[in-house]
Amino acid sequence: MTKVTLGKTGITVEKNAFGALPIQRISREEAVKLLRKAYDHGVTFYDTARFYTDSEEKVGEAFEGMREKVYIATKTGASDAEGFWKDLGTSLGNLRTDYVDLYQFHNPAFCPKPGDGSGLYEAMLEAKEKGMVRHIGITNHRLNVAEEAIQSGLYETLQFPFSYLATEKELGLVEKCARADMGFIAMKALAGGLITNSAAAYAYLAQYENVLPIWGVQRERELDEFLSYIDNPPVLNEELSAVIAGDREELLGDFCRGCGYCMPCPAGIEINTCARMSLLIRRSPSAAQLTPGAQEMMKKIENCLHCGRCKAKCPYGLDTPGLLEKNYQDYREILAGKTY
């Protein structure tokens, strides 16, 4: 069992964390079963958010009566102190606890600091002084905000997308966090579903001693895969290295990560799925992407208003309207049997 310590927090856990975003899509009974099974097999770090509908409630039910045995991280997307306290109160109630091990600002467009006028960091400090929050973290998809958070010395952890599709810039964040004794939590370690070889993903991240990957889990078979790696961790051998090299050649560049920060779309387009449909359909069983429901979803691209809102909100600076059009054209060709 490999352990990782999240910087100066002193939180030391098995190098497998449970990402609780996907459990909002399954029943409470199924979710509680998955969460408890993960704990029974050595997983003790669970990451959720106020934004993830009923995810916090499911985590709270799963660990009621054994709170001290697990670490729970959640997030607030509040923009001011009033919203912060409202979110924190709701989260504590949902989680059936009186404290959060790690409370994180959820992908803010700026790095909250004392005196910035938002009151957010002051509220976070007060919550920590009251014992409602034990450690302070920040999550982001923007390199500039992540860099500022590291440099500020105000945060104990950074949660940022990190996988074997990472560029030198993301690798730089990992190294800077290590030097600053700041925990690094790797979200989207499977690149939003584009990475389909979990063994390769695990072996790659295992190289970084200060990185804690959180795996988004929705199905028991997915959980079983990651649990199997606890006692039999994949090794970055020639075979897995070749998988990584092939994926990097195919996927690096201007592809949609599926983060969803471009949403909602005024035309009702499910941008974070539609803008990467070409990759999804080629990298996973295609039947699920060709159903009448999926076709209807893609057809909504025809209603694009070209308002530019999605492009303006994309943390990766992608031309999302252009990606939507390219993916829709490719999708129609696949349906017509011209490609794939």
C-alpha atoms as a PDB file:
ATOM      1  CA  MET A   1       0.000   0.000   0.000  1.00  0.00           C
ATOM      2  CA  THR A   2       1.519   3.299  -1.137  1.00  0.00           C
ATOM      3  CA  LYS A   3       0.923   6.382   1.000  1.00  0.00           C
ATOM      4  CA  VAL A   4       0.985  10.070   0.104  1.00  0.00           C
ATOM      5  CA  THR A   5       1.051  13.079   2.432  1.00  0.00           C
ATOM      6  CA  LEU A   6      -0.713  16.251   1.341  1.00  0.00           C
ATOM      7  CA  GLY A   7       2.026  18.736   2.109  1.00  0.00           C
ATOM      8  CA  LYS A   8       1.858  20.648   5.349  1.00  0.00           C
ATOM      9  CA  THR A   9      -1.662  19.377   6.123  1.00  0.00           C
ATOM     10  CA  GLY A  10      -0.087  16.201   7.463  1.00  0.00           C
ATOM     11  CA  ILE A  11      -2.984  14.246   5.925  1.00  0.00           C
ATOM     12  CA  THR A  12      -1.477  10.883   4.963  1.00  0.00           C
ATOM     13  CA  VAL A  13      -3.634   8.485   2.949  1.00  0.00           C
ATOM     14  CA  GLU A  14      -3.465   5.591   0.530  1.00  0.00           C
ATOM     15  CA  LYS A  15      -2.504   6.884  -2.926  1.00  0.00           C
ATOM     16  CA  ASN A  16      -6.021   6.321  -4.211  1.00  0.00           C
ATOM     17  CA  ALA A  17      -8.750   8.861  -3.471  1.00  0.00           C
ATOM     18  CA  PHE A  18     -12.455   8.620  -4.231  1.00  0.00           C
ATOM     19  CA  GLY A  19     -13.856  11.335  -6.495  1.00  0.00           C
ATOM     20  CA  ALA A  20     -17.518  11.643  -5.565  1.00  0.00           C
ATOM     21  CA  LEU A  21     -18.789  13.694  -8.515  1.00  0.00           C
ATOM     22  CA  PRO A  22     -20.119  10.665 -10.468  1.00  0.00           C
ATOM     23  CA  ILE A  23     -22.140   9.239  -7.562  1.00  0.00           C
ATOM     24  CA  GLN A  24     -24.707  11.996  -8.057  1.00  0.00           C
ATOM     25  CA  ARG A  25     -25.827   9.970 -11.089  1.00  0.00           C
ATOM     26  CA  ILE A  26     -26.652   6.778  -9.167  1.00  0.00           C
ATOM     27  CA  SER A  27     -29.085   5.888  -6.394  1.00  0.00           C
ATOM     28  CA  ARG A  28     -28.352   6.638  -2.750  1.00  0.00           C
ATOM     29  CA  GLU A  29     -28.214   2.919  -1.976  1.00  0.00           C
ATOM     30  CA  GLU A  30     -25.695   2.240  -4.757  1.00  0.00           C
ATOM     31  CA  ALA A  31     -23.566   5.226  -3.791  1.00  0.00           C
ATOM     32  CA  VAL A  32     -23.392   4.331  -0.116  1.00  0.00           C
ATOM     33  CA  LYS A  33     -22.427   0.777  -1.050  1.00  0.00           C
ATOM     34  CA  LEU A  34     -19.574   2.017  -3.263  1.00  0.00           C
ATOM     35  CA  LEU A  35     -18.284   4.481  -0.667  1.00  0.00           C
ATOM     36  CA  ARG A  36     -18.251   1.903   2.119  1.00  0.00           C
ATOM     37  CA  LYS A  37     -16.626  -0.708  -0.090  1.00  0.00           C
ATOM     38  CA  ALA A  38     -13.871   1.761  -0.927  1.00  0.00           C
ATOM     39  CA  TYR A  39     -13.292   2.389   2.784  1.00  0.00           C
ATOM     40  CA  ASP A  40     -13.295  -1.342   3.578  1.00  0.00           C
ATOM     41  CA  HIS A  41     -10.436  -1.766   1.085  1.00  0.00           C
ATOM     42  CA  GLY A  42      -8.234   1.042   2.364  1.00  0.00           C
ATOM     43  CA  VAL A  43      -9.465   4.265   0.712  1.00  0.00           C
ATOM     44  CA  THR A  44      -9.801   7.050   3.290  1.00  0.00           C
ATOM     45  CA  PHE A  45      -9.899  10.300   1.263  1.00  0.00           C
ATOM     46  CA  TYR A  46     -13.195  11.386  -0.318  1.00  0.00           C
ATOM     47  CA  ASP A  47     -13.630  14.496  -2.467  1.00  0.00           C
ATOM     48  CA  THR A  48     -17.028  16.054  -3.129  1.00  0.00           C
ATOM     49  CA  ALA A  49     -18.513  19.547  -3.605  1.00  0.00           C
ATOM     50  CA  ARG A  50     -21.574  21.654  -2.861  1.00  0.00           C
ATOM     51  CA  PHE A  51     -21.984  21.890  -6.643  1.00  0.00           C
ATOM     52  CA  TYR A  52     -22.374  18.099  -7.059  1.00  0.00           C
ATOM     53  CA  THR A  53     -26.145  17.981  -6.324  1.00  0.00           C
ATOM     54  CA  ASP A  54     -26.692  15.180  -3.751  1.00  0.00           C
ATOM     55  CA  SER A  55     -23.125  13.845  -3.647  1.00  0.00           C
ATOM     56  CA  GLU A  56     -22.439  15.341  -0.202  1.00  0.00           C
ATOM     57  CA  GLU A  57     -25.593  13.762   1.214  1.00  0.00           C
ATOM     58  CA  LYS A  58     -24.537  10.329   0.009  1.00  0.00           C
ATOM     59  CA  VAL A  59     -21.043  10.732   1.464  1.00  0.00           C
ATOM     60  CA  GLY A  60     -22.583  11.885   4.740  1.00  0.00           C
ATOM     61  CA  GLU A  61     -24.821   8.854   4.979  1.00  0.00           C
ATOM     62  CA  ALA A  62     -22.019   6.453   4.117  1.00  0.00           C
ATOM     63  CA  PHE A  63     -19.712   7.644   6.899  1.00  0.00           C
ATOM     64  CA  GLU A  64     -22.125   8.637   9.638  1.00  0.00           C
ATOM     65  CA  GLY A  65     -20.910   7.188  12.924  1.00  0.00           C
ATOM     66  CA  MET A  66     -17.349   6.718  11.667  1.00  0.00           C
ATOM     67  CA  ARG A  67     -16.460  10.287  10.747  1.00  0.00           C
ATOM     68  CA  GLU A  68     -13.017  10.229  12.366  1.00  0.00           C
ATOM     69  CA  LYS A  69     -11.938   7.293  10.206  1.00  0.00           C
ATOM     70  CA  VAL A  70     -12.034   9.175   6.905  1.00  0.00           C
ATOM     71  CA  TYR A  71     -10.904  12.476   5.401  1.00  0.00           C
ATOM     72  CA  ILE A  72     -13.632  14.443   3.649  1.00  0.00           C
ATOM     73  CA  ALA A  73     -12.863  17.275   1.234  1.00  0.00           C
ATOM     74  CA  THR A  74     -15.584  19.464  -0.198  1.00  0.00           C
ATOM     75  CA  LYS A  75     -15.802  22.793  -2.019  1.00  0.00           C
ATOM     76  CA  THR A  76     -17.633  26.094  -2.196  1.00  0.00           C
ATOM     77  CA  GLY A  77     -18.250  28.077  -5.348  1.00  0.00           C
ATOM     78  CA  ALA A  78     -19.369  31.132  -3.370  1.00  0.00           C
ATOM     79  CA  SER A  79     -18.374  34.580  -4.604  1.00  0.00           C
ATOM     80  CA  ASP A  80     -18.747  36.407  -1.298  1.00  0.00           C
ATOM     81  CA  ALA A  81     -18.657  35.794   2.466  1.00  0.00           C
ATOM     82  CA  GLU A  82     -22.421  35.430   2.780  1.00  0.00           C
ATOM     83  CA  GLY A  83     -22.468  32.706   0.160  1.00  0.00           C
ATOM     84  CA  PHE A  84     -19.456  31.060   1.792  1.00  0.00           C
ATOM     85  CA  TRP A  85     -21.185  30.658   5.151  1.00  0.00           C
ATOM     86  CA  LYS A  86     -24.376  29.434   3.479  1.00  0.00           C
ATOM     87  CA  ASP A  87     -22.447  26.802   1.503  1.00  0.00           C
ATOM     88  CA  LEU A  88     -20.438  25.671   4.500  1.00  0.00           C
ATOM     89  CA  GLY A  89     -23.539  25.299   6.665  1.00  0.00           C
ATOM     90  CA  THR A  90     -25.291  23.281   3.963  1.00  0.00           C
ATOM     91  CA  SER A  91     -22.247  21.069   3.409  1.00  0.00           C
ATOM     92  CA  LEU A  92     -21.826  20.323   7.113  1.00  0.00           C
ATOM     93  CA  GLY A  93     -25.496  19.359   7.323  1.00  0.00           C
ATOM     94  CA  ASN A  94     -25.310  17.168   4.232  1.00  0.00           C
ATOM     95  CA  LEU A  95     -22.125  15.487   5.416  1.00  0.00           C
ATOM     96  CA  ARG A  96     -23.550  14.927   8.910  1.00  0.00           C
ATOM     97  CA  THR A  97     -20.468  16.386  10.535  1.00  0.00           C
ATOM     98  CA  ASP A  98     -19.303  19.491  12.377  1.00  0.00           C
ATOM     99  CA  TYR A  99     -16.062  19.914  10.419  1.00  0.00           C
ATOM    100  CA  VAL A 100     -14.548  19.477   6.963  1.00  0.00           C
ATOM    101  CA  ASP A 101     -11.002  18.113   6.730  1.00  0.00           C
ATOM    102  CA  LEU A 102     -10.251  20.117   3.588  1.00  0.00           C
ATOM    103  CA  TYR A 103     -12.414  22.993   2.405  1.00  0.00           C
ATOM    104  CA  GLN A 104     -11.605  24.246  -1.080  1.00  0.00           C
ATOM    105  CA  PHE A 105     -12.555  27.259  -3.164  1.00  0.00           C
ATOM    106  CA  HIS A 106     -14.133  25.661  -6.227  1.00  0.00           C
ATOM    107  CA  ASN A 107     -12.503  26.875  -9.457  1.00  0.00           C
ATOM    108  CA  PRO A 108     -12.640  30.616  -8.711  1.00  0.00           C
ATOM    109  CA  ALA A 109     -11.769  32.987 -11.560  1.00  0.00           C
ATOM    110  CA  PHE A 110      -9.292  34.678  -9.210  1.00  0.00           C
ATOM    111  CA  CYS A 111      -7.139  33.628  -6.264  1.00  0.00           C
ATOM    112  CA  PRO A 112      -8.965  34.637  -3.052  1.00  0.00           C
ATOM    113  CA  LYS A 113      -6.699  36.585  -0.697  1.00  0.00           C
ATOM    114  CA  PRO A 114      -7.130  38.697   2.426  1.00  0.00           C
ATOM    115  CA  GLY A 115      -8.166  42.228   1.529  1.00  0.00           C
ATOM    116  CA  ASP A 116      -9.292  41.481  -2.035  1.00  0.00           C
ATOM    117  CA  GLY A 117     -12.771  42.809  -1.293  1.00  0.00           C
ATOM    118  CA  SER A 118     -14.628  39.501  -1.640  1.00  0.00           C
ATOM    119  CA  GLY A 119     -14.350  38.542   2.019  1.00  0.00           C
ATOM    120  CA  LEU A 120     -13.883  34.917   0.971  1.00  0.00           C
ATOM    121  CA  TYR A 121     -10.466  34.246   2.455  1.00  0.00           C
ATOM    122  CA  GLU A 122     -11.343  36.076   5.678  1.00  0.00           C
ATOM    123  CA  ALA A 123     -14.423  33.852   6.015  1.00  0.00           C
ATOM    124  CA  MET A 124     -12.309  30.761   5.354  1.00  0.00           C
ATOM    125  CA  LEU A 125      -9.855  31.771   8.088  1.00  0.00           C
ATOM    126  CA  GLU A 126     -12.696  32.383  10.535  1.00  0.00           C
ATOM    127  CA  ALA A 127     -14.178  28.969   9.742  1.00  0.00           C
ATOM    128  CA  LYS A 128     -10.796  27.398  10.395  1.00  0.00           C
ATOM    129  CA  GLU A 129     -10.411  29.257  13.695  1.00  0.00           C
ATOM    130  CA  LYS A 130     -13.830  27.934  14.738  1.00  0.00           C
ATOM    131  CA  GLY A 131     -12.813  24.368  13.917  1.00  0.00           C
ATOM    132  CA  MET A 132     -15.356  24.029  11.116  1.00  0.00           C
ATOM    133  CA  VAL A 133     -12.567  23.745   8.551  1.00  0.00           C
ATOM    134  CA  ARG A 134      -9.274  22.018   9.288  1.00  0.00           C
ATOM    135  CA  HIS A 135      -7.314  22.775   6.127  1.00  0.00           C
ATOM    136  CA  ILE A 136      -7.650  25.315   3.314  1.00  0.00           C
ATOM    137  CA  GLY A 137      -7.384  24.419  -0.370  1.00  0.00           C
ATOM    138  CA  ILE A 138      -8.223  25.686  -3.832  1.00  0.00           C
ATOM    139  CA  THR A 139      -9.208  23.938  -7.055  1.00  0.00           C
ATOM    140  CA  ASN A 140      -8.781  25.365 -10.524  1.00  0.00           C
ATOM    141  CA  HIS A 141      -8.486  24.840 -14.260  1.00  0.00           C
ATOM    142  CA  ARG A 142      -6.568  28.053 -14.899  1.00  0.00           C
ATOM    143  CA  LEU A 143      -2.782  27.970 -14.812  1.00  0.00           C
ATOM    144  CA  ASN A 144      -2.466  31.606 -13.788  1.00  0.00           C
ATOM    145  CA  VAL A 145      -4.769  31.184 -10.770  1.00  0.00           C
ATOM    146  CA  ALA A 146      -2.976  27.985  -9.748  1.00  0.00           C
ATOM    147  CA  GLU A 147       0.411  29.683 -10.002  1.00  0.00           C
ATOM    148  CA  GLU A 148      -0.811  32.606  -7.898  1.00  0.00           C
ATOM    149  CA  ALA A 149      -2.233  30.262  -5.259  1.00  0.00           C
ATOM    150  CA  ILE A 150       1.116  28.477  -4.912  1.00  0.00           C
ATOM    151  CA  GLN A 151       3.054  31.721  -4.723  1.00  0.00           C
ATOM    152  CA  SER A 152       0.679  33.240  -2.159  1.00  0.00           C
ATOM    153  CA  GLY A 153       1.498  30.731   0.586  1.00  0.00           C
ATOM    154  CA  LEU A 154      -2.148  30.950   1.649  1.00  0.00           C
ATOM    155  CA  TYR A 155      -3.189  27.468   0.612  1.00  0.00           C
ATOM    156  CA  GLU A 156      -2.327  24.013   1.893  1.00  0.00           C
ATOM    157  CA  THR A 157      -3.489  22.135  -1.192  1.00  0.00           C
ATOM    158  CA  LEU A 158      -4.043  22.685  -4.900  1.00  0.00           C
ATOM    159  CA  GLN A 159      -6.433  20.528  -6.913  1.00  0.00           C
ATOM    160  CA  PHE A 160      -5.751  20.712 -10.637  1.00  0.00           C
ATOM    161  CA  PRO A 161      -6.245  18.505 -13.738  1.00  0.00           C
ATOM    162  CA  PHE A 162      -3.254  16.195 -14.069  1.00  0.00           C
ATOM    163  CA  SER A 163      -2.831  13.049 -16.126  1.00  0.00           C
ATOM    164  CA  TYR A 164      -0.371  11.604 -18.606  1.00  0.00           C
ATOM    165  CA  LEU A 165      -1.721  14.134 -21.094  1.00  0.00           C
ATOM    166  CA  ALA A 166      -0.193  16.899 -18.984  1.00  0.00           C
ATOM    167  CA  THR A 167       2.071  19.513 -20.533  1.00  0.00           C
ATOM    168  CA  GLU A 168       5.256  20.903 -19.068  1.00  0.00           C
ATOM    169  CA  LYS A 169       3.188  23.671 -17.478  1.00  0.00           C
ATOM    170  CA  GLU A 170       1.116  21.240 -15.411  1.00  0.00           C
ATOM    171  CA  LEU A 171       4.246  19.311 -14.489  1.00  0.00           C
ATOM    172  CA  GLY A 172       5.683  22.608 -13.294  1.00  0.00           C
ATOM    173  CA  LEU A 173       2.750  23.035 -10.915  1.00  0.00           C
ATOM    174  CA  VAL A 174       3.424  19.631  -9.367  1.00  0.00           C
ATOM    175  CA  GLU A 175       7.071  20.513  -8.816  1.00  0.00           C
ATOM    176  CA  LYS A 176       6.275  23.940  -7.368  1.00  0.00           C
ATOM    177  CA  CYS A 177       3.783  22.427  -4.948  1.00  0.00           C
ATOM    178  CA  ALA A 178       6.400  19.940  -3.793  1.00  0.00           C
ATOM    179  CA  ARG A 179       8.883  22.754  -3.136  1.00  0.00           C
ATOM    180  CA  ALA A 180       6.237  24.760  -1.271  1.00  0.00           C
ATOM    181  CA  ASP A 181       5.205  21.740   0.844  1.00  0.00           C
ATOM    182  CA  MET A 182       1.739  22.104  -0.641  1.00  0.00           C
ATOM    183  CA  GLY A 183      -0.444  19.092  -1.324  1.00  0.00           C
ATOM    184  CA  PHE A 184      -1.281  18.377  -4.974  1.00  0.00           C
ATOM    185  CA  ILE A 185      -4.585  16.631  -5.705  1.00  0.00           C
ATOM    186  CA  ALA A 186      -4.896  15.380  -9.275  1.00  0.00           C
ATOM    187  CA  MET A 187      -8.382  15.692 -10.710  1.00  0.00           C
ATOM    188  CA  LYS A 188      -9.356  14.355 -14.126  1.00  0.00           C
ATOM    189  CA  ALA A 189      -6.609  11.746 -13.966  1.00  0.00           C
ATOM    190  CA  LEU A 190      -8.488   9.943 -16.769  1.00  0.00           C
ATOM    191  CA  ALA A 191      -8.873  13.183 -18.769  1.00  0.00           C
ATOM    192  CA  GLY A 192     -12.640  13.182 -18.444  1.00  0.00           C
ATOM    193  CA  GLY A 193     -12.956   9.644 -19.824  1.00  0.00           C
ATOM    194  CA  LEU A 194     -10.616  10.018 -22.798  1.00  0.00           C
ATOM    195  CA  ILE A 195      -7.974   7.901 -21.069  1.00  0.00           C
ATOM    196  CA  THR A 196      -9.343   4.363 -21.122  1.00  0.00           C
ATOM    197  CA  ASN A 197      -6.358   2.470 -19.712  1.00  0.00           C
ATOM    198  CA  SER A 198      -6.580   2.932 -15.944  1.00  0.00           C
ATOM    199  CA  ALA A 199      -3.414   0.904 -15.336  1.00  0.00           C
ATOM    200  CA  ALA A 200      -1.404   3.306 -17.481  1.00  0.00           C
ATOM    201  CA  ALA A 201      -3.015   6.294 -15.747  1.00  0.00           C
ATOM    202  CA  TYR A 202      -2.215   4.861 -12.324  1.00  0.00           C
ATOM    203  CA  ALA A 203       1.364   3.911 -13.182  1.00  0.00           C
ATOM    204  CA  TYR A 204       2.071   7.369 -14.601  1.00  0.00           C
ATOM    205  CA  LEU A 205       0.801   9.228 -11.537  1.00  0.00           C
ATOM    206  CA  ALA A 206       2.602   6.820  -9.202  1.00  0.00           C
ATOM    207  CA  GLN A 207       5.869   8.458 -10.313  1.00  0.00           C
ATOM    208  CA  TYR A 208       4.985  11.631  -8.394  1.00  0.00           C
ATOM    209  CA  GLU A 209       5.328  11.144  -4.659  1.00  0.00           C
ATOM    210  CA  ASN A 210       3.433  14.320  -3.738  1.00  0.00           C
ATOM    211  CA  VAL A 211       0.412  13.705  -5.991  1.00  0.00           C
ATOM    212  CA  LEU A 212      -2.870  12.248  -4.750  1.00  0.00           C
ATOM    213  CA  PRO A 213      -5.092  11.160  -7.662  1.00  0.00           C
ATOM    214  CA  ILE A 214      -8.857  11.231  -7.186  1.00  0.00           C
ATOM    215  CA  TRP A 215     -10.651   8.714  -9.357  1.00  0.00           C
ATOM    216  CA  GLY A 216     -14.221   9.523 -10.318  1.00  0.00           C
ATOM    217  CA  VAL A 217     -16.196   6.368  -9.541  1.00  0.00           C
ATOM    218  CA  GLN A 218     -19.755   5.553 -10.594  1.00  0.00           C
ATOM    219  CA  ARG A 219     -19.761   1.772 -11.064  1.00  0.00           C
ATOM    220  CA  GLU A 220     -18.528  -1.042  -8.860  1.00  0.00           C
ATOM    221  CA  ARG A 221     -16.366  -2.487 -11.638  1.00  0.00           C
ATOM    222  CA  GLU A 222     -14.577   0.873 -11.900  1.00  0.00           C
ATOM    223  CA  LEU A 223     -13.944   0.879  -8.170  1.00  0.00           C
ATOM    224  CA  ASP A 224     -12.699  -2.703  -8.293  1.00  0.00           C
ATOM    225  CA  GLU A 225     -10.100  -1.738 -10.900  1.00  0.00           C
ATOM    226  CA  PHE A 226      -8.547   0.906  -8.684  1.00  0.00           C
ATOM    227  CA  LEU A 227      -8.812  -1.187  -5.535  1.00  0.00           C
ATOM    228  CA  SER A 228      -6.888  -3.973  -7.276  1.00  0.00           C
ATOM    229  CA  TYR A 229      -3.987  -1.571  -7.777  1.00  0.00           C
ATOM    230  CA  ILE A 230      -3.530  -1.038  -4.039  1.00  0.00           C
ATOM    231  CA  ASP A 231      -1.861  -4.395  -3.504  1.00  0.00           C
ATOM    232  CA  ASN A 232      -0.771  -4.941  -7.116  1.00  0.00           C
ATOM    233  CA  PRO A 233       0.211  -1.520  -8.476  1.00  0.00           C
ATOM    234  CA  PRO A 234       0.819  -1.332 -12.234  1.00  0.00           C
ATOM    235  CA  VAL A 235       4.424  -0.670 -13.202  1.00  0.00           C
ATOM    236  CA  LEU A 236       5.328   1.812 -15.913  1.00  0.00           C
ATOM    237  CA  ASN A 237       6.835  -0.829 -18.219  1.00  0.00           C
ATOM    238  CA  GLU A 238       7.349  -0.765 -21.985  1.00  0.00           C
ATOM    239  CA  GLU A 239       3.777  -1.837 -22.696  1.00  0.00           C
ATOM    240  CA  LEU A 240       2.152   0.900 -20.622  1.00  0.00           C
ATOM    241  CA  SER A 241       4.679   3.464 -21.798  1.00  0.00           C
ATOM    242  CA  ALA A 242       3.659   2.658 -25.372  1.00  0.00           C
ATOM    243  CA  VAL A 243      -0.003   3.176 -24.480  1.00  0.00           C
ATOM    244  CA  ILE A 244       0.823   6.575 -22.998  1.00  0.00           C
ATOM    245  CA  ALA A 245       2.928   7.582 -26.001  1.00  0.00           C
ATOM    246  CA  GLY A 246       0.129   6.624 -28.394  1.00  0.00           C
ATOM    247  CA  ASP A 247      -2.497   8.525 -26.432  1.00  0.00           C
ATOM    248  CA  ARG A 248      -0.332  11.609 -26.173  1.00  0.00           C
ATOM    249  CA  GLU A 249       0.214  11.604 -29.926  1.00  0.00           C
ATOM    250  CA  GLU A 250      -3.530  11.329 -30.564  1.00  0.00           C
ATOM    251  CA  LEU A 251      -4.915  13.566 -27.833  1.00  0.00           C
ATOM    252  CA  LEU A 252      -2.498  16.354 -27.037  1.00  0.00           C
ATOM    253  CA  GLY A 253      -3.620  19.694 -28.409  1.00  0.00           C
ATOM    254  CA  ASP A 254      -6.909  21.526 -28.592  1.00  0.00           C
ATOM    255  CA  PHE A 255      -9.316  18.973 -27.205  1.00  0.00           C
ATOM    256  CA  CYS A 256     -12.227  19.538 -24.830  1.00  0.00           C
ATOM    257  CA  ARG A 257     -11.451  18.240 -21.334  1.00  0.00           C
ATOM    258  CA  GLY A 258     -15.142  18.002 -20.444  1.00  0.00           C
ATOM    259  CA  CYS A 259     -14.828  20.205 -17.341  1.00  0.00           C
ATOM    260  CA  GLY A 260     -18.213  21.839 -18.001  1.00  0.00           C
ATOM    261  CA  TYR A 261     -17.281  25.387 -17.024  1.00  0.00           C
ATOM    262  CA  CYS A 262     -18.627  26.582 -20.378  1.00  0.00           C
ATOM    263  CA  MET A 263     -22.110  25.527 -19.295  1.00  0.00           C
ATOM    264  CA  PRO A 264     -24.987  26.230 -19.315  1.00  0.00           C
ATOM    265  CA  CYS A 265     -25.523  26.888 -22.996  1.00  0.00           C
ATOM    266  CA  PRO A 266     -28.375  29.288 -23.883  1.00  0.00           C
ATOM    267  CA  ALA A 267     -29.227  27.013 -26.822  1.00  0.00           C
ATOM    268  CA  GLY A 268     -29.359  23.915 -24.618  1.00  0.00           C
ATOM    269  CA  ILE A 269     -26.274  22.281 -26.167  1.00  0.00           C
ATOM    270  CA  GLU A 270     -24.447  19.832 -23.885  1.00  0.00           C
ATOM    271  CA  ILE A 271     -21.122  21.395 -24.847  1.00  0.00           C
ATOM    272  CA  ASN A 272     -18.857  19.388 -22.539  1.00  0.00           C
ATOM    273  CA  THR A 273     -19.964  16.154 -24.247  1.00  0.00           C
ATOM    274  CA  CYS A 274     -20.691  17.327 -27.788  1.00  0.00           C
ATOM    275  CA  ALA A 275     -17.378  19.171 -28.219  1.00  0.00           C
ATOM    276  CA  ARG A 276     -15.423  15.949 -27.714  1.00  0.00           C
ATOM    277  CA  MET A 277     -17.784  13.413 -29.241  1.00  0.00           C
ATOM    278  CA  SER A 278     -15.342  12.435 -32.003  1.00  0.00           C
ATOM    279  CA  LEU A 279     -12.783  11.348 -29.427  1.00  0.00           C
ATOM    280  CA  LEU A 280     -15.330   9.640 -27.181  1.00  0.00           C
ATOM    281  CA  ILE A 281     -16.857   7.653 -29.994  1.00  0.00           C
ATOM    282  CA  ARG A 282     -13.479   6.351 -31.142  1.00  0.00           C
ATOM    283  CA  ARG A 283     -12.063   5.579 -27.714  1.00  0.00           C
ATOM    284  CA  SER A 284     -14.981   3.793 -26.085  1.00  0.00           C
ATOM    285  CA  PRO A 285     -17.750   1.453 -27.245  1.00  0.00           C
ATOM    286  CA  SER A 286     -19.601   3.498 -29.849  1.00  0.00           C
ATOM    287  CA  ALA A 287     -23.113   2.117 -29.368  1.00  0.00           C
ATOM    288  CA  ALA A 288     -23.812   4.389 -26.402  1.00  0.00           C
ATOM    289  CA  GLN A 289     -22.845   7.423 -28.474  1.00  0.00           C
ATOM    290  CA  LEU A 290     -25.091   6.533 -31.425  1.00  0.00           C
ATOM    291  CA  THR A 291     -28.438   6.106 -29.667  1.00  0.00           C
ATOM    292  CA  PRO A 292     -31.444   8.219 -30.677  1.00  0.00           C
ATOM    293  CA  GLY A 293     -30.892  10.255 -27.505  1.00  0.00           C
ATOM    294  CA  ALA A 294     -27.266  10.923 -28.395  1.00  0.00           C
ATOM    295  CA  GLN A 295     -28.242  11.890 -31.933  1.00  0.00           C
ATOM    296  CA  GLU A 296     -30.821  14.330 -30.602  1.00  0.00           C
ATOM    297  CA  MET A 297     -28.202  15.787 -28.270  1.00  0.00           C
ATOM    298  CA  MET A 298     -25.763  16.337 -31.130  1.00  0.00           C
ATOM    299  CA  LYS A 299     -28.462  17.784 -33.408  1.00  0.00           C
ATOM    300  CA  LYS A 300     -28.875  20.686 -30.960  1.00  0.00           C
ATOM    301  CA  ILE A 301     -25.545  21.995 -32.268  1.00  0.00           C
ATOM    302  CA  GLU A 302     -27.567  23.238 -35.264  1.00  0.00           C
ATOM    303  CA  ASN A 303     -29.201  25.707 -32.848  1.00  0.00           C
ATOM    304  CA  CYS A 304     -25.885  27.288 -31.810  1.00  0.00           C
ATOM    305  CA  LEU A 305     -26.386  31.048 -31.389  1.00  0.00           C
ATOM    306  CA  HIS A 306     -22.690  31.801 -31.940  1.00  0.00           C
ATOM    307  CA  CYS A 307     -22.928  34.067 -28.902  1.00  0.00           C
ATOM    308  CA  GLY A 308     -19.371  33.267 -27.818  1.00  0.00           C
ATOM    309  CA  ARG A 309     -20.258  32.680 -24.158  1.00  0.00           C
ATOM    310  CA  CYS A 310     -18.787  29.168 -24.065  1.00  0.00           C
ATOM    311  CA  LYS A 311     -15.549  30.334 -25.693  1.00  0.00           C
ATOM    312  CA  ALA A 312     -15.230  33.202 -23.215  1.00  0.00           C
ATOM    313  CA  LYS A 313     -15.702  30.869 -20.219  1.00  0.00           C
ATOM    314  CA  CYS A 314     -13.390  28.060 -21.358  1.00  0.00           C
ATOM    315  CA  PRO A 315     -10.435  27.923 -18.912  1.00  0.00           C
ATOM    316  CA  TYR A 316      -8.309  26.364 -21.674  1.00  0.00           C
ATOM    317  CA  GLY A 317      -9.016  29.096 -24.224  1.00  0.00           C
ATOM    318  CA  LEU A 318     -10.545  26.679 -26.736  1.00  0.00           C
ATOM    319  CA  ASP A 319     -12.611  27.695 -29.749  1.00  0.00           C
ATOM    320  CA  THR A 320     -15.604  25.745 -28.467  1.00  0.00           C
ATOM    321  CA  PRO A 321     -18.036  26.802 -31.238  1.00  0.00           C
ATOM    322  CA  GLY A 322     -15.466  25.568 -33.760  1.00  0.00           C
ATOM    323  CA  LEU A 323     -15.033  22.296 -31.872  1.00  0.00           C
ATOM    324  CA  LEU A 324     -18.795  21.793 -31.780  1.00  0.00           C
ATOM    325  CA  GLU A 325     -19.088  22.255 -35.537  1.00  0.00           C
ATOM    326  CA  LYS A 326     -16.177  19.893 -36.282  1.00  0.00           C
ATOM    327  CA  ASN A 327     -17.558  17.226 -33.960  1.00  0.00           C
ATOM    328  CA  TYR A 328     -21.050  17.514 -35.420  1.00  0.00           C
ATOM    329  CA  GLN A 329     -19.760  17.183 -38.968  1.00  0.00           C
ATOM    330  CA  ASP A 330     -17.726  14.131 -38.009  1.00  0.00           C
ATOM    331  CA  TYR A 331     -20.693  12.645 -36.135  1.00  0.00           C
ATOM    332  CA  ARG A 332     -22.958  12.950 -39.156  1.00  0.00           C
ATOM    333  CA  GLU A 333     -20.337  11.256 -41.322  1.00  0.00           C
ATOM    334  CA  ILE A 334     -20.103   8.411 -38.807  1.00  0.00           C
ATOM    335  CA  LEU A 335     -23.879   7.965 -38.875  1.00  0.00           C
ATOM    336  CA  ALA A 336     -23.776   7.951 -42.671  1.00  0.00           C
ATOM    337  CA  GLY A 337     -21.116   5.250 -42.563  1.00  0.00           C
ATOM    338  CA  LYS A 338     -18.481   7.396 -44.192  1.00  0.00           C
ATOM    339  CA  THR A 339     -15.976   7.248 -41.324  1.00  0.00           C
ATOM    340  CA  TYR A 340     -15.123   5.173 -38.257  1.00  0.00           C
END
